[in-house]
Amino acid sequence: MNNLFQQIMKFGLVGVFCFFVDYFLYLGANFLFEKAGIAAIFPKYYLISALVGFTVSVVVNYILSFKFVFVRRDDMSRRREFAIFLILSIIGLGVNELCLYIGIDLIYMNWGWLKSIMSESFAKNLFFKFGATGVVMVYNFVTRKIFLEQKG
């Protein structure tokens, strides 16, 4: 159990670093879309921003995960390992996008009392983004442990 705890802590540190990569790219893309006027044309621009941040953070996460967190499987090529990592990450992206869509479009935009206690910017850039990240972090750890780590 101690090794699992250490692994979870390392995964958490890698995850926090990758979250900041994802988050700052997400904020930067949101800023650019808003300043360029794209937000007025395409109100769901934040989903594209999430895709940009998520994509870069996946590559960084892959490198750091196998350097510091998970033990590579001897029976799996690096190409297959990355392909599985990428597929699991794409599913994670889907979970992330779904969490953002549900949180922002279905909950925040339709609950007046929620709008009265937080700004749309806070909802998009902090509240629901952090919530989505937490859900995806648990999914990532469990699936990578099951499908990618050396057993035993």
Protein backbone atom coordinates (compact mmCIF):
# COMPACT_ATOMS: atom_id res chain seq x y z
CA MET A 1 0.00 0.00 0.00
CA ASN A 2 2.93 2.35 0.70
CA ASN A 3 4.19 1.93 -2.90
CA LEU A 4 0.69 2.67 -4.22
CA PHE A 5 0.53 5.81 -2.07
CA GLN A 6 3.94 6.95 -3.36
CA GLN A 7 2.84 6.25 -6.91
CA ILE A 8 -0.37 8.23 -6.43
CA MET A 9 1.66 11.13 -5.00
CA LYS A 10 4.05 11.08 -7.99
CA PHE A 11 1.09 10.84 -10.35
CA GLY A 12 -0.43 13.79 -8.54
CA LEU A 13 2.72 15.89 -8.95
CA VAL A 14 2.98 15.02 -12.65
CA GLY A 15 -0.74 15.71 -12.94
CA VAL A 16 -0.44 19.11 -11.27
CA PHE A 17 2.39 20.10 -13.59
CA CYS A 18 0.46 18.89 -16.64
CA PHE A 19 -2.65 20.62 -15.35
CA PHE A 20 -0.78 23.93 -15.38
CA VAL A 21 0.41 23.24 -18.93
CA ASP A 22 -3.19 22.46 -19.91
CA TYR A 23 -4.71 25.28 -17.88
CA PHE A 24 -2.44 28.09 -19.07
CA LEU A 25 -2.83 27.02 -22.69
CA TYR A 26 -6.63 26.87 -22.11
CA LEU A 27 -6.63 30.39 -20.63
CA GLY A 28 -4.34 31.68 -23.38
CA ALA A 29 -6.50 30.23 -26.14
CA ASN A 30 -9.65 31.62 -24.47
CA PHE A 31 -8.01 35.03 -24.28
CA LEU A 32 -7.00 34.91 -27.96
CA PHE A 33 -10.48 33.78 -29.07
CA GLU A 34 -12.11 36.53 -27.03
CA LYS A 35 -9.72 39.26 -28.27
CA ALA A 36 -10.03 38.09 -31.88
CA GLY A 37 -13.83 38.25 -31.70
CA ILE A 38 -14.22 34.52 -32.33
CA ALA A 39 -16.11 34.14 -29.04
CA ALA A 40 -18.97 36.21 -30.46
CA ILE A 41 -19.17 34.03 -33.58
CA PHE A 42 -18.57 30.66 -31.88
CA PRO A 43 -19.78 30.80 -28.25
CA LYS A 44 -18.45 27.31 -27.47
CA TYR A 45 -14.88 28.45 -28.23
CA TYR A 46 -13.79 27.24 -24.77
CA LEU A 47 -14.16 23.63 -26.01
CA ILE A 48 -11.49 24.32 -28.66
CA SER A 49 -9.33 25.96 -26.00
CA ALA A 50 -9.69 22.83 -23.88
CA LEU A 51 -8.62 20.68 -26.84
CA VAL A 52 -5.48 22.77 -27.37
CA GLY A 53 -4.39 22.62 -23.74
CA PHE A 54 -5.28 18.97 -23.37
CA THR A 55 -3.34 17.92 -26.49
CA VAL A 56 -0.06 19.51 -25.40
CA SER A 57 -0.46 18.27 -21.83
CA VAL A 58 -0.97 14.66 -23.05
CA VAL A 59 2.48 14.59 -24.63
CA VAL A 60 4.11 16.12 -21.55
CA ASN A 61 2.16 13.72 -19.33
CA TYR A 62 3.26 10.68 -21.35
CA ILE A 63 6.92 11.60 -21.01
CA LEU A 64 6.74 12.39 -17.29
CA SER A 65 4.46 9.46 -16.41
CA PHE A 66 6.87 6.86 -17.68
CA LYS A 67 9.90 8.68 -16.34
CA PHE A 68 8.59 9.11 -12.79
CA VAL A 69 5.31 7.23 -12.13
CA PHE A 70 4.66 3.99 -13.98
CA VAL A 71 6.93 1.03 -14.68
CA ARG A 72 6.93 0.21 -18.38
CA ARG A 73 5.70 -3.19 -19.44
CA ASP A 74 8.41 -5.43 -20.90
CA ASP A 75 5.94 -7.08 -23.27
CA MET A 76 4.82 -3.86 -24.96
CA SER A 77 6.58 -1.77 -27.60
CA ARG A 78 6.87 1.98 -27.06
CA ARG A 79 4.75 2.54 -30.17
CA ARG A 80 1.92 0.39 -28.78
CA GLU A 81 2.36 1.92 -25.33
CA PHE A 82 1.98 5.44 -26.74
CA ALA A 83 -0.98 4.36 -28.89
CA ILE A 84 -2.79 2.98 -25.82
CA PHE A 85 -1.82 6.06 -23.80
CA LEU A 86 -3.17 8.26 -26.59
CA ILE A 87 -6.44 6.30 -26.88
CA LEU A 88 -6.97 6.46 -23.11
CA SER A 89 -6.14 10.17 -23.23
CA ILE A 90 -8.61 10.80 -26.06
CA ILE A 91 -11.30 9.09 -23.99
CA GLY A 92 -10.17 11.32 -21.11
CA LEU A 93 -10.50 14.33 -23.42
CA GLY A 94 -14.06 13.23 -24.16
CA VAL A 95 -14.77 13.00 -20.43
CA ASN A 96 -13.17 16.44 -19.95
CA GLU A 97 -15.23 18.03 -22.74
CA LEU A 98 -18.41 16.36 -21.47
CA CYS A 99 -17.79 17.63 -17.93
CA LEU A 100 -17.22 21.18 -19.26
CA TYR A 101 -20.31 21.03 -21.47
CA ILE A 102 -22.53 19.70 -18.70
CA GLY A 103 -21.10 22.12 -16.15
CA ILE A 104 -21.17 25.27 -18.27
CA ASP A 105 -23.94 24.79 -20.82
CA LEU A 106 -26.38 22.62 -18.94
CA ILE A 107 -25.86 23.67 -15.33
CA TYR A 108 -24.37 27.17 -15.18
CA MET A 109 -26.28 28.68 -18.11
CA ASN A 110 -29.62 27.34 -16.83
CA TRP A 111 -29.34 27.90 -13.10
CA GLY A 112 -29.98 31.53 -12.28
CA TRP A 113 -28.92 31.20 -8.67
CA LEU A 114 -25.53 29.86 -9.78
CA LYS A 115 -25.10 32.84 -12.13
CA SER A 116 -25.89 35.11 -9.20
CA ILE A 117 -22.98 33.76 -7.11
CA MET A 118 -20.25 33.39 -9.77
CA SER A 119 -19.32 35.09 -13.01
CA GLU A 120 -19.32 33.23 -16.30
CA SER A 121 -15.55 33.68 -16.49
CA PHE A 122 -15.09 32.11 -13.04
CA ALA A 123 -17.41 29.23 -14.00
CA LYS A 124 -15.53 28.53 -17.25
CA ASN A 125 -11.97 29.21 -16.19
CA LEU A 126 -11.93 27.89 -12.63
CA PHE A 127 -14.93 26.14 -11.18
CA PHE A 128 -15.91 23.70 -13.94
CA LYS A 129 -12.39 23.43 -15.39
CA PHE A 130 -11.03 22.28 -12.00
CA GLY A 131 -13.95 19.88 -11.55
CA ALA A 132 -13.43 18.35 -14.99
CA THR A 133 -9.72 18.03 -14.31
CA GLY A 134 -10.36 16.13 -11.06
CA VAL A 135 -12.68 13.65 -12.77
CA VAL A 136 -10.22 13.07 -15.62
CA MET A 137 -7.28 12.69 -13.22
CA VAL A 138 -8.95 9.75 -11.44
CA TYR A 139 -9.89 8.18 -14.79
CA ASN A 140 -6.30 8.58 -16.07
CA PHE A 141 -4.65 7.00 -13.05
CA VAL A 142 -6.96 3.99 -12.97
CA THR A 143 -6.85 3.27 -16.71
CA ARG A 144 -3.09 3.74 -17.04
CA LYS A 145 -2.47 1.51 -14.06
CA ILE A 146 -4.69 -1.20 -15.55
CA PHE A 147 -3.58 -1.04 -19.21
CA LEU A 148 -0.03 0.29 -19.22
CA GLU A 149 1.84 -0.58 -16.06
CA GLN A 150 4.03 -3.63 -15.60
CA LYS A 151 2.17 -6.10 -13.37
CA GLY A 152 3.61 -7.55 -10.21
